[in-house]
Amino acid sequence: MDTLPNFDDMAKMAKEDPEQFERLRQQLIEDAINQAHDSMQPRLKAQQSHIDLVISRGKNPLHTTMLLRNELQRQLVRFAETLQHPCNQENADITPISSHPKQSKNTDKSSF
């Protein structure tokens, strides 16, 4: 795709023609992954598949946004832990999203 439609056009498309919006979204994702180095493409495809799974669990746009936000926070914490303790994460398994424990109610959300 040469040019990206502006936000208002995409919002209108998402509301009036969600199938076309989804096709555009998938095409943009595919284009971005194809532009990455060949060695990164399988990992990016796996990450996108995971994102699509999170999106599929959303009941409405706000719920989907919150699910994606929570997933991003979880991955950022994991990334920070990896940077702080690289040896501990070197051979870590990727846990499926459905197996992750729920966030503790004692978590200080102001730190996010």
PDB file of N, CA and C in Angstrom:
ATOM      1  N   MET A   1       0.854  -1.188   0.000  1.00  0.00           N
ATOM      2  CA  MET A   1       0.000   0.000   0.000  1.00  0.00           C
ATOM      3  C   MET A   1       0.890   1.238   0.000  1.00  0.00           C
ATOM      4  N   ASP A   2       0.577   2.181  -0.873  1.00  0.00           N
ATOM      5  CA  ASP A   2       1.398   3.374  -0.999  1.00  0.00           C
ATOM      6  C   ASP A   2       1.111   4.396   0.084  1.00  0.00           C
ATOM      7  N   THR A   3      -0.157   4.691   0.323  1.00  0.00           N
ATOM      8  CA  THR A   3      -0.497   5.683   1.336  1.00  0.00           C
ATOM      9  C   THR A   3      -1.543   5.122   2.281  1.00  0.00           C
ATOM     10  N   LEU A   4      -1.422   5.511   3.505  1.00  0.00           N
ATOM     11  CA  LEU A   4      -2.354   5.090   4.549  1.00  0.00           C
ATOM     12  C   LEU A   4      -3.505   6.086   4.598  1.00  0.00           C
ATOM     13  N   PRO A   5      -4.742   5.604   4.623  1.00  0.00           N
ATOM     14  CA  PRO A   5      -5.864   6.542   4.764  1.00  0.00           C
ATOM     15  C   PRO A   5      -5.739   7.299   6.091  1.00  0.00           C
ATOM     16  N   ASN A   6      -6.297   8.490   6.144  1.00  0.00           N
ATOM     17  CA  ASN A   6      -6.218   9.242   7.396  1.00  0.00           C
ATOM     18  C   ASN A   6      -7.120   8.603   8.450  1.00  0.00           C
ATOM     19  N   PHE A   7      -6.950   9.031   9.682  1.00  0.00           N
ATOM     20  CA  PHE A   7      -7.665   8.433  10.810  1.00  0.00           C
ATOM     21  C   PHE A   7      -9.180   8.488  10.624  1.00  0.00           C
ATOM     22  N   ASP A   8      -9.693   9.637  10.210  1.00  0.00           N
ATOM     23  CA  ASP A   8     -11.141   9.775  10.046  1.00  0.00           C
ATOM     24  C   ASP A   8     -11.693   8.805   9.004  1.00  0.00           C
ATOM     25  N   ASP A   9     -10.952   8.638   7.899  1.00  0.00           N
ATOM     26  CA  ASP A   9     -11.391   7.700   6.865  1.00  0.00           C
ATOM     27  C   ASP A   9     -11.368   6.263   7.376  1.00  0.00           C
ATOM     28  N   MET A  10     -10.324   5.927   8.154  1.00  0.00           N
ATOM     29  CA  MET A  10     -10.258   4.568   8.692  1.00  0.00           C
ATOM     30  C   MET A  10     -11.341   4.330   9.744  1.00  0.00           C
ATOM     31  N   ALA A  11     -11.634   5.338  10.560  1.00  0.00           N
ATOM     32  CA  ALA A  11     -12.702   5.200  11.558  1.00  0.00           C
ATOM     33  C   ALA A  11     -14.046   4.999  10.867  1.00  0.00           C
ATOM     34  N   LYS A  12     -14.272   5.749   9.804  1.00  0.00           N
ATOM     35  CA  LYS A  12     -15.516   5.605   9.040  1.00  0.00           C
ATOM     36  C   LYS A  12     -15.591   4.213   8.403  1.00  0.00           C
ATOM     37  N   MET A  13     -14.462   3.745   7.841  1.00  0.00           N
ATOM     38  CA  MET A  13     -14.423   2.428   7.230  1.00  0.00           C
ATOM     39  C   MET A  13     -14.698   1.341   8.281  1.00  0.00           C
ATOM     40  N   ALA A  14     -14.099   1.470   9.455  1.00  0.00           N
ATOM     41  CA  ALA A  14     -14.301   0.479  10.513  1.00  0.00           C
ATOM     42  C   ALA A  14     -15.764   0.402  10.929  1.00  0.00           C
ATOM     43  N   LYS A  15     -16.430   1.538  10.920  1.00  0.00           N
ATOM     44  CA  LYS A  15     -17.835   1.578  11.324  1.00  0.00           C
ATOM     45  C   LYS A  15     -18.763   1.107  10.212  1.00  0.00           C
ATOM     46  N   GLU A  16     -18.522   1.564   8.996  1.00  0.00           N
ATOM     47  CA  GLU A  16     -19.444   1.302   7.894  1.00  0.00           C
ATOM     48  C   GLU A  16     -19.129   0.039   7.094  1.00  0.00           C
ATOM     49  N   ASP A  17     -17.863  -0.345   7.069  1.00  0.00           N
ATOM     50  CA  ASP A  17     -17.463  -1.528   6.292  1.00  0.00           C
ATOM     51  C   ASP A  17     -16.345  -2.262   7.027  1.00  0.00           C
ATOM     52  N   PRO A  18     -16.692  -2.939   8.135  1.00  0.00           N
ATOM     53  CA  PRO A  18     -15.663  -3.588   8.947  1.00  0.00           C
ATOM     54  C   PRO A  18     -14.857  -4.652   8.192  1.00  0.00           C
ATOM     55  N   GLU A  19     -15.455  -5.296   7.196  1.00  0.00           N
ATOM     56  CA  GLU A  19     -14.710  -6.285   6.423  1.00  0.00           C
ATOM     57  C   GLU A  19     -13.589  -5.622   5.630  1.00  0.00           C
ATOM     58  N   GLN A  20     -13.893  -4.490   5.013  1.00  0.00           N
ATOM     59  CA  GLN A  20     -12.862  -3.766   4.267  1.00  0.00           C
ATOM     60  C   GLN A  20     -11.781  -3.259   5.219  1.00  0.00           C
ATOM     61  N   PHE A  21     -12.189  -2.771   6.384  1.00  0.00           N
ATOM     62  CA  PHE A  21     -11.221  -2.312   7.372  1.00  0.00           C
ATOM     63  C   PHE A  21     -10.304  -3.461   7.791  1.00  0.00           C
ATOM     64  N   GLU A  22     -10.865  -4.632   8.021  1.00  0.00           N
ATOM     65  CA  GLU A  22     -10.065  -5.799   8.418  1.00  0.00           C
ATOM     66  C   GLU A  22      -9.097  -6.200   7.314  1.00  0.00           C
ATOM     67  N   ARG A  23      -9.555  -6.146   6.060  1.00  0.00           N
ATOM     68  CA  ARG A  23      -8.655  -6.453   4.938  1.00  0.00           C
ATOM     69  C   ARG A  23      -7.497  -5.462   4.898  1.00  0.00           C
ATOM     70  N   LEU A  24      -7.796  -4.177   5.099  1.00  0.00           N
ATOM     71  CA  LEU A  24      -6.754  -3.156   5.117  1.00  0.00           C
ATOM     72  C   LEU A  24      -5.780  -3.417   6.259  1.00  0.00           C
ATOM     73  N   ARG A  25      -6.312  -3.721   7.438  1.00  0.00           N
ATOM     74  CA  ARG A  25      -5.470  -3.987   8.608  1.00  0.00           C
ATOM     75  C   ARG A  25      -4.536  -5.169   8.334  1.00  0.00           C
ATOM     76  N   GLN A  26      -5.102  -6.248   7.791  1.00  0.00           N
ATOM     77  CA  GLN A  26      -4.297  -7.427   7.504  1.00  0.00           C
ATOM     78  C   GLN A  26      -3.229  -7.132   6.448  1.00  0.00           C
ATOM     79  N   GLN A  27      -3.588  -6.351   5.436  1.00  0.00           N
ATOM     80  CA  GLN A  27      -2.626  -6.012   4.388  1.00  0.00           C
ATOM     81  C   GLN A  27      -1.481  -5.174   4.955  1.00  0.00           C
ATOM     82  N   LEU A  28      -1.799  -4.206   5.795  1.00  0.00           N
ATOM     83  CA  LEU A  28      -0.758  -3.372   6.401  1.00  0.00           C
ATOM     84  C   LEU A  28       0.164  -4.192   7.295  1.00  0.00           C
ATOM     85  N   ILE A  29      -0.412  -5.121   8.034  1.00  0.00           N
ATOM     86  CA  ILE A  29       0.390  -5.993   8.891  1.00  0.00           C
ATOM     87  C   ILE A  29       1.307  -6.868   8.034  1.00  0.00           C
ATOM     88  N   GLU A  30       0.742  -7.463   7.010  1.00  0.00           N
ATOM     89  CA  GLU A  30       1.531  -8.320   6.113  1.00  0.00           C
ATOM     90  C   GLU A  30       2.661  -7.531   5.465  1.00  0.00           C
ATOM     91  N   ASP A  31       2.367  -6.324   5.017  1.00  0.00           N
ATOM     92  CA  ASP A  31       3.400  -5.475   4.402  1.00  0.00           C
ATOM     93  C   ASP A  31       4.526  -5.175   5.394  1.00  0.00           C
ATOM     94  N   ALA A  32       4.163  -4.848   6.622  1.00  0.00           N
ATOM     95  CA  ALA A  32       5.171  -4.527   7.638  1.00  0.00           C
ATOM     96  C   ALA A  32       6.040  -5.743   7.939  1.00  0.00           C
ATOM     97  N   ILE A  33       5.426  -6.910   8.080  1.00  0.00           N
ATOM     98  CA  ILE A  33       6.194  -8.129   8.366  1.00  0.00           C
ATOM     99  C   ILE A  33       7.107  -8.473   7.184  1.00  0.00           C
ATOM    100  N   ASN A  34       6.595  -8.326   5.970  1.00  0.00           N
ATOM    101  CA  ASN A  34       7.406  -8.631   4.784  1.00  0.00           C
ATOM    102  C   ASN A  34       8.597  -7.690   4.626  1.00  0.00           C
ATOM    103  N   GLN A  35       8.520  -6.506   5.209  1.00  0.00           N
ATOM    104  CA  GLN A  35       9.636  -5.563   5.133  1.00  0.00           C
ATOM    105  C   GLN A  35      10.725  -5.872   6.160  1.00  0.00           C
ATOM    106  N   ALA A  36      10.402  -6.703   7.146  1.00  0.00           N
ATOM    107  CA  ALA A  36      11.377  -7.065   8.169  1.00  0.00           C
ATOM    108  C   ALA A  36      12.386  -8.061   7.594  1.00  0.00           C
ATOM    109  N   HIS A  37      13.502  -8.184   8.287  1.00  0.00           N
ATOM    110  CA  HIS A  37      14.526  -9.145   7.892  1.00  0.00           C
ATOM    111  C   HIS A  37      13.931 -10.555   7.908  1.00  0.00           C
ATOM    112  N   ASP A  38      14.367 -11.387   6.962  1.00  0.00           N
ATOM    113  CA  ASP A  38      13.832 -12.744   6.845  1.00  0.00           C
ATOM    114  C   ASP A  38      13.898 -13.521   8.159  1.00  0.00           C
ATOM    115  N   SER A  39      14.952 -13.313   8.922  1.00  0.00           N
ATOM    116  CA  SER A  39      15.108 -14.068  10.172  1.00  0.00           C
ATOM    117  C   SER A  39      14.097 -13.640  11.237  1.00  0.00           C
ATOM    118  N   MET A  40      13.540 -12.448  11.115  1.00  0.00           N
ATOM    119  CA  MET A  40      12.574 -11.940  12.099  1.00  0.00           C
ATOM    120  C   MET A  40      11.131 -12.242  11.718  1.00  0.00           C
ATOM    121  N   GLN A  41      10.883 -12.560  10.466  1.00  0.00           N
ATOM    122  CA  GLN A  41       9.509 -12.733  10.001  1.00  0.00           C
ATOM    123  C   GLN A  41       8.730 -13.828  10.740  1.00  0.00           C
ATOM    124  N   PRO A  42       9.305 -15.003  11.018  1.00  0.00           N
ATOM    125  CA  PRO A  42       8.529 -16.006  11.771  1.00  0.00           C
ATOM    126  C   PRO A  42       8.133 -15.519  13.165  1.00  0.00           C
ATOM    127  N   ARG A  43       9.025 -14.827  13.824  1.00  0.00           N
ATOM    128  CA  ARG A  43       8.719 -14.309  15.161  1.00  0.00           C
ATOM    129  C   ARG A  43       7.634 -13.236  15.098  1.00  0.00           C
ATOM    130  N   LEU A  44       7.707 -12.361  14.106  1.00  0.00           N
ATOM    131  CA  LEU A  44       6.695 -11.326  13.942  1.00  0.00           C
ATOM    132  C   LEU A  44       5.333 -11.935  13.602  1.00  0.00           C
ATOM    133  N   LYS A  45       5.330 -12.962  12.770  1.00  0.00           N
ATOM    134  CA  LYS A  45       4.070 -13.639  12.446  1.00  0.00           C
ATOM    135  C   LYS A  45       3.476 -14.298  13.688  1.00  0.00           C
ATOM    136  N   ALA A  46       4.329 -14.893  14.511  1.00  0.00           N
ATOM    137  CA  ALA A  46       3.845 -15.504  15.752  1.00  0.00           C
ATOM    138  C   ALA A  46       3.293 -14.442  16.698  1.00  0.00           C
ATOM    139  N   GLN A  47       3.977 -13.314  16.788  1.00  0.00           N
ATOM    140  CA  GLN A  47       3.508 -12.228  17.648  1.00  0.00           C
ATOM    141  C   GLN A  47       2.174 -11.689  17.145  1.00  0.00           C
ATOM    142  N   GLN A  48       2.038 -11.538  15.833  1.00  0.00           N
ATOM    143  CA  GLN A  48       0.781 -11.048  15.281  1.00  0.00           C
ATOM    144  C   GLN A  48      -0.340 -12.046  15.514  1.00  0.00           C
ATOM    145  N   SER A  49      -0.032 -13.317  15.411  1.00  0.00           N
ATOM    146  CA  SER A  49      -1.029 -14.343  15.685  1.00  0.00           C
ATOM    147  C   SER A  49      -1.510 -14.235  17.137  1.00  0.00           C
ATOM    148  N   HIS A  50      -0.585 -13.987  18.037  1.00  0.00           N
ATOM    149  CA  HIS A  50      -0.925 -13.817  19.450  1.00  0.00           C
ATOM    150  C   HIS A  50      -1.804 -12.572  19.644  1.00  0.00           C
ATOM    151  N   ILE A  51      -1.451 -11.491  18.987  1.00  0.00           N
ATOM    152  CA  ILE A  51      -2.250 -10.260  19.063  1.00  0.00           C
ATOM    153  C   ILE A  51      -3.654 -10.512  18.526  1.00  0.00           C
ATOM    154  N   ASP A  52      -3.756 -11.220  17.409  1.00  0.00           N
ATOM    155  CA  ASP A  52      -5.066 -11.526  16.836  1.00  0.00           C
ATOM    156  C   ASP A  52      -5.899 -12.373  17.795  1.00  0.00           C
ATOM    157  N   LEU A  53      -5.249 -13.280  18.527  1.00  0.00           N
ATOM    158  CA  LEU A  53      -5.962 -14.088  19.520  1.00  0.00           C
ATOM    159  C   LEU A  53      -6.513 -13.198  20.633  1.00  0.00           C
ATOM    160  N   VAL A  54      -5.699 -12.260  21.105  1.00  0.00           N
ATOM    161  CA  VAL A  54      -6.154 -11.325  22.139  1.00  0.00           C
ATOM    162  C   VAL A  54      -7.336 -10.511  21.613  1.00  0.00           C
ATOM    163  N   ILE A  55      -7.229 -10.001  20.398  1.00  0.00           N
ATOM    164  CA  ILE A  55      -8.302  -9.214  19.788  1.00  0.00           C
ATOM    165  C   ILE A  55      -9.585 -10.041  19.681  1.00  0.00           C
ATOM    166  N   SER A  56      -9.455 -11.303  19.329  1.00  0.00           N
ATOM    167  CA  SER A  56     -10.643 -12.145  19.149  1.00  0.00           C
ATOM    168  C   SER A  56     -11.409 -12.355  20.456  1.00  0.00           C
ATOM    169  N   ARG A  57     -10.752 -12.163  21.569  1.00  0.00           N
ATOM    170  CA  ARG A  57     -11.405 -12.346  22.866  1.00  0.00           C
ATOM    171  C   ARG A  57     -12.139 -11.092  23.341  1.00  0.00           C
ATOM    172  N   GLY A  58     -11.954  -9.991  22.641  1.00  0.00           N
ATOM    173  CA  GLY A  58     -12.619  -8.747  23.026  1.00  0.00           C
ATOM    174  C   GLY A  58     -14.103  -8.784  22.736  1.00  0.00           C
ATOM    175  N   LYS A  59     -14.884  -8.289  23.682  1.00  0.00           N
ATOM    176  CA  LYS A  59     -16.342  -8.281  23.532  1.00  0.00           C
ATOM    177  C   LYS A  59     -16.834  -7.019  22.833  1.00  0.00           C
ATOM    178  N   ASN A  60     -16.040  -5.965  22.886  1.00  0.00           N
ATOM    179  CA  ASN A  60     -16.358  -4.701  22.229  1.00  0.00           C
ATOM    180  C   ASN A  60     -15.041  -3.940  22.084  1.00  0.00           C
ATOM    181  N   PRO A  61     -15.021  -2.825  21.382  1.00  0.00           N
ATOM    182  CA  PRO A  61     -13.753  -2.111  21.167  1.00  0.00           C
ATOM    183  C   PRO A  61     -13.030  -1.707  22.460  1.00  0.00           C
ATOM    184  N   LEU A  62     -13.776  -1.260  23.460  1.00  0.00           N
ATOM    185  CA  LEU A  62     -13.127  -0.863  24.715  1.00  0.00           C
ATOM    186  C   LEU A  62     -12.521  -2.074  25.414  1.00  0.00           C
ATOM    187  N   HIS A  63     -13.258  -3.160  25.475  1.00  0.00           N
ATOM    188  CA  HIS A  63     -12.745  -4.377  26.095  1.00  0.00           C
ATOM    189  C   HIS A  63     -11.499  -4.865  25.350  1.00  0.00           C
ATOM    190  N   THR A  64     -11.533  -4.832  24.030  1.00  0.00           N
ATOM    191  CA  THR A  64     -10.380  -5.242  23.237  1.00  0.00           C
ATOM    192  C   THR A  64      -9.173  -4.362  23.542  1.00  0.00           C
ATOM    193  N   THR A  65      -9.392  -3.069  23.644  1.00  0.00           N
ATOM    194  CA  THR A  65      -8.303  -2.146  23.977  1.00  0.00           C
ATOM    195  C   THR A  65      -7.702  -2.478  25.334  1.00  0.00           C
ATOM    196  N   MET A  66      -8.547  -2.778  26.311  1.00  0.00           N
ATOM    197  CA  MET A  66      -8.055  -3.113  27.646  1.00  0.00           C
ATOM    198  C   MET A  66      -7.279  -4.437  27.630  1.00  0.00           C
ATOM    199  N   LEU A  67      -7.766  -5.416  26.874  1.00  0.00           N
ATOM    200  CA  LEU A  67      -7.042  -6.683  26.761  1.00  0.00           C
ATOM    201  C   LEU A  67      -5.662  -6.474  26.138  1.00  0.00           C
ATOM    202  N   LEU A  68      -5.618  -5.667  25.079  1.00  0.00           N
ATOM    203  CA  LEU A  68      -4.339  -5.388  24.422  1.00  0.00           C
ATOM    204  C   LEU A  68      -3.408  -4.613  25.349  1.00  0.00           C
ATOM    205  N   ARG A  69      -3.952  -3.664  26.097  1.00  0.00           N
ATOM    206  CA  ARG A  69      -3.154  -2.891  27.052  1.00  0.00           C
ATOM    207  C   ARG A  69      -2.553  -3.810  28.109  1.00  0.00           C
ATOM    208  N   ASN A  70      -3.371  -4.712  28.644  1.00  0.00           N
ATOM    209  CA  ASN A  70      -2.879  -5.646  29.657  1.00  0.00           C
ATOM    210  C   ASN A  70      -1.794  -6.559  29.101  1.00  0.00           C
ATOM    211  N   GLU A  71      -1.986  -7.014  27.878  1.00  0.00           N
ATOM    212  CA  GLU A  71      -0.988  -7.869  27.241  1.00  0.00           C
ATOM    213  C   GLU A  71       0.307  -7.101  27.017  1.00  0.00           C
ATOM    214  N   LEU A  72       0.219  -5.870  26.577  1.00  0.00           N
ATOM    215  CA  LEU A  72       1.413  -5.053  26.387  1.00  0.00           C
ATOM    216  C   LEU A  72       2.145  -4.847  27.704  1.00  0.00           C
ATOM    217  N   GLN A  73       1.409  -4.553  28.759  1.00  0.00           N
ATOM    218  CA  GLN A  73       2.039  -4.383  30.071  1.00  0.00           C
ATOM    219  C   GLN A  73       2.750  -5.663  30.501  1.00  0.00           C
ATOM    220  N   ARG A  74       2.104  -6.808  30.297  1.00  0.00           N
ATOM    221  CA  ARG A  74       2.710  -8.083  30.674  1.00  0.00           C
ATOM    222  C   ARG A  74       4.008  -8.301  29.906  1.00  0.00           C
ATOM    223  N   GLN A  75       3.992  -7.994  28.620  1.00  0.00           N
ATOM    224  CA  GLN A  75       5.193  -8.181  27.812  1.00  0.00           C
ATOM    225  C   GLN A  75       6.283  -7.176  28.163  1.00  0.00           C
ATOM    226  N   LEU A  76       5.893  -5.962  28.524  1.00  0.00           N
ATOM    227  CA  LEU A  76       6.895  -4.974  28.931  1.00  0.00           C
ATOM    228  C   LEU A  76       7.572  -5.383  30.238  1.00  0.00           C
ATOM    229  N   VAL A  77       6.804  -5.935  31.160  1.00  0.00           N
ATOM    230  CA  VAL A  77       7.388  -6.431  32.418  1.00  0.00           C
ATOM    231  C   VAL A  77       8.372  -7.554  32.108  1.00  0.00           C
ATOM    232  N   ARG A  78       7.963  -8.459  31.259  1.00  0.00           N
ATOM    233  CA  ARG A  78       8.839  -9.575  30.882  1.00  0.00           C
ATOM    234  C   ARG A  78      10.101  -9.065  30.190  1.00  0.00           C
ATOM    235  N   PHE A  79       9.950  -8.081  29.331  1.00  0.00           N
ATOM    236  CA  PHE A  79      11.097  -7.490  28.641  1.00  0.00           C
ATOM    237  C   PHE A  79      12.048  -6.843  29.644  1.00  0.00           C
ATOM    238  N   ALA A  80      11.501  -6.094  30.590  1.00  0.00           N
ATOM    239  CA  ALA A  80      12.336  -5.460  31.617  1.00  0.00           C
ATOM    240  C   ALA A  80      13.076  -6.497  32.448  1.00  0.00           C
ATOM    241  N   GLU A  81      12.392  -7.577  32.803  1.00  0.00           N
ATOM    242  CA  GLU A  81      13.034  -8.657  33.563  1.00  0.00           C
ATOM    243  C   GLU A  81      14.167  -9.282  32.749  1.00  0.00           C
ATOM    244  N   THR A  82      13.945  -9.447  31.461  1.00  0.00           N
ATOM    245  CA  THR A  82      14.973 -10.016  30.592  1.00  0.00           C
ATOM    246  C   THR A  82      16.188  -9.098  30.523  1.00  0.00           C
ATOM    247  N   LEU A  83      15.943  -7.799  30.438  1.00  0.00           N
ATOM    248  CA  LEU A  83      17.067  -6.850  30.402  1.00  0.00           C
ATOM    249  C   LEU A  83      17.841  -6.842  31.713  1.00  0.00           C
ATOM    250  N   GLN A  84      17.126  -6.965  32.826  1.00  0.00           N
ATOM    251  CA  GLN A  84      17.773  -6.936  34.136  1.00  0.00           C
ATOM    252  C   GLN A  84      18.471  -8.247  34.470  1.00  0.00           C
ATOM    253  N   HIS A  85      17.911  -9.356  34.001  1.00  0.00           N
ATOM    254  CA  HIS A  85      18.443 -10.682  34.324  1.00  0.00           C
ATOM    255  C   HIS A  85      18.454 -11.545  33.060  1.00  0.00           C
ATOM    256  N   PRO A  86      19.347 -11.253  32.115  1.00  0.00           N
ATOM    257  CA  PRO A  86      19.317 -11.946  30.823  1.00  0.00           C
ATOM    258  C   PRO A  86      19.497 -13.462  30.926  1.00  0.00           C
ATOM    259  N   CYS A  87      20.254 -13.937  31.885  1.00  0.00           N
ATOM    260  CA  CYS A  87      20.485 -15.386  32.006  1.00  0.00           C
ATOM    261  C   CYS A  87      19.221 -16.128  32.418  1.00  0.00           C
ATOM    262  N   ASN A  88      18.361 -15.501  33.219  1.00  0.00           N
ATOM    263  CA  ASN A  88      17.133 -16.149  33.685  1.00  0.00           C
ATOM    264  C   ASN A  88      16.123 -16.352  32.567  1.00  0.00           C
ATOM    265  N   GLN A  89      16.156 -15.529  31.542  1.00  0.00           N
ATOM    266  CA  GLN A  89      15.155 -15.572  30.483  1.00  0.00           C
ATOM    267  C   GLN A  89      15.672 -16.217  29.206  1.00  0.00           C
ATOM    268  N   GLU A  90      16.933 -16.594  29.190  1.00  0.00           N
ATOM    269  CA  GLU A  90      17.549 -17.054  27.954  1.00  0.00           C
ATOM    270  C   GLU A  90      16.788 -18.210  27.297  1.00  0.00           C
ATOM    271  N   ASN A  91      16.357 -19.185  28.083  1.00  0.00           N
ATOM    272  CA  ASN A  91      15.655 -20.337  27.524  1.00  0.00           C
ATOM    273  C   ASN A  91      14.227 -20.420  28.031  1.00  0.00           C
ATOM    274  N   ALA A  92      13.638 -19.284  28.337  1.00  0.00           N
ATOM    275  CA  ALA A  92      12.284 -19.270  28.892  1.00  0.00           C
ATOM    276  C   ALA A  92      11.272 -19.711  27.848  1.00  0.00           C
ATOM    277  N   ASP A  93      10.304 -20.478  28.311  1.00  0.00           N
ATOM    278  CA  ASP A  93       9.206 -20.890  27.441  1.00  0.00           C
ATOM    279  C   ASP A  93       8.204 -19.757  27.323  1.00  0.00           C
ATOM    280  N   ILE A  94       7.512 -19.713  26.206  1.00  0.00           N
ATOM    281  CA  ILE A  94       6.433 -18.758  26.033  1.00  0.00           C
ATOM    282  C   ILE A  94       5.169 -19.419  26.551  1.00  0.00           C
ATOM    283  N   THR A  95       4.553 -18.792  27.528  1.00  0.00           N
ATOM    284  CA  THR A  95       3.346 -19.347  28.127  1.00  0.00           C
ATOM    285  C   THR A  95       2.144 -18.870  27.341  1.00  0.00           C
ATOM    286  N   PRO A  96       1.261 -19.795  26.929  1.00  0.00           N
ATOM    287  CA  PRO A  96       0.055 -19.375  26.210  1.00  0.00           C
ATOM    288  C   PRO A  96      -0.761 -18.402  27.047  1.00  0.00           C
ATOM    289  N   ILE A  97      -1.413 -17.465  26.384  1.00  0.00           N
ATOM    290  CA  ILE A  97      -2.147 -16.418  27.083  1.00  0.00           C
ATOM    291  C   ILE A  97      -3.201 -16.993  28.016  1.00  0.00           C
ATOM    292  N   SER A  98      -3.825 -18.109  27.645  1.00  0.00           N
ATOM    293  CA  SER A  98      -4.872 -18.679  28.478  1.00  0.00           C
ATOM    294  C   SER A  98      -4.321 -19.279  29.769  1.00  0.00           C
ATOM    295  N   SER A  99      -2.994 -19.463  29.860  1.00  0.00           N
ATOM    296  CA  SER A  99      -2.390 -20.066  31.043  1.00  0.00           C
ATOM    297  C   SER A  99      -1.814 -19.050  32.014  1.00  0.00           C
ATOM    298  N   HIS A 100      -1.819 -17.777  31.636  1.00  0.00           N
ATOM    299  CA  HIS A 100      -1.236 -16.763  32.504  1.00  0.00           C
ATOM    300  C   HIS A 100      -2.103 -16.543  33.724  1.00  0.00           C
ATOM    301  N   PRO A 101      -1.466 -16.461  34.917  1.00  0.00           N
ATOM    302  CA  PRO A 101      -2.249 -16.176  36.117  1.00  0.00           C
ATOM    303  C   PRO A 101      -2.820 -14.770  36.044  1.00  0.00           C
ATOM    304  N   LYS A 102      -3.940 -14.579  36.678  1.00  0.00           N
ATOM    305  CA  LYS A 102      -4.544 -13.248  36.702  1.00  0.00           C
ATOM    306  C   LYS A 102      -3.672 -12.331  37.538  1.00  0.00           C
ATOM    307  N   GLN A 103      -3.703 -11.023  37.200  1.00  0.00           N
ATOM    308  CA  GLN A 103      -2.930 -10.051  37.961  1.00  0.00           C
ATOM    309  C   GLN A 103      -3.387 -10.028  39.398  1.00  0.00           C
ATOM    310  N   SER A 104      -2.434  -9.919  40.307  1.00  0.00           N
ATOM    311  CA  SER A 104      -2.747  -9.863  41.722  1.00  0.00           C
ATOM    312  C   SER A 104      -3.502  -8.582  42.026  1.00  0.00           C
ATOM    313  N   LYS A 105      -4.464  -8.662  42.943  1.00  0.00           N
ATOM    314  CA  LYS A 105      -5.230  -7.481  43.316  1.00  0.00           C
ATOM    315  C   LYS A 105      -4.382  -6.510  44.113  1.00  0.00           C
ATOM    316  N   ASN A 106      -3.218  -6.968  44.577  1.00  0.00           N
ATOM    317  CA  ASN A 106      -2.336  -6.096  45.364  1.00  0.00           C
ATOM    318  C   ASN A 106      -1.382  -5.329  44.471  1.00  0.00           C
ATOM    319  N   THR A 107      -1.473  -5.526  43.177  1.00  0.00           N
ATOM    320  CA  THR A 107      -0.576  -4.835  42.265  1.00  0.00           C
ATOM    321  C   THR A 107      -0.838  -3.336  42.293  1.00  0.00           C
ATOM    322  N   ASP A 108       0.239  -2.560  42.403  1.00  0.00           N
ATOM    323  CA  ASP A 108       0.119  -1.095  42.408  1.00  0.00           C
ATOM    324  C   ASP A 108       0.022  -0.650  40.965  1.00  0.00           C
ATOM    325  N   LYS A 109      -1.167  -0.335  40.487  1.00  0.00           N
ATOM    326  CA  LYS A 109      -1.376   0.046  39.091  1.00  0.00           C
ATOM    327  C   LYS A 109      -0.841   1.438  38.777  1.00  0.00           C
ATOM    328  N   SER A 110      -0.510   2.209  39.799  1.00  0.00           N
ATOM    329  CA  SER A 110       0.008   3.553  39.529  1.00  0.00           C
ATOM    330  C   SER A 110       1.400   3.495  38.932  1.00  0.00           C
ATOM    331  N   SER A 111       2.076   2.326  39.036  1.00  0.00           N
ATOM    332  CA  SER A 111       3.415   2.231  38.489  1.00  0.00           C
ATOM    333  C   SER A 111       3.421   1.969  36.990  1.00  0.00           C
ATOM    334  N   PHE A 112       2.235   1.751  36.388  1.00  0.00           N
ATOM    335  CA  PHE A 112       2.171   1.478  34.952  1.00  0.00           C
ATOM    336  C   PHE A 112       1.976   2.733  34.195  1.00  0.00           C
TER     337      PHE A 112
END
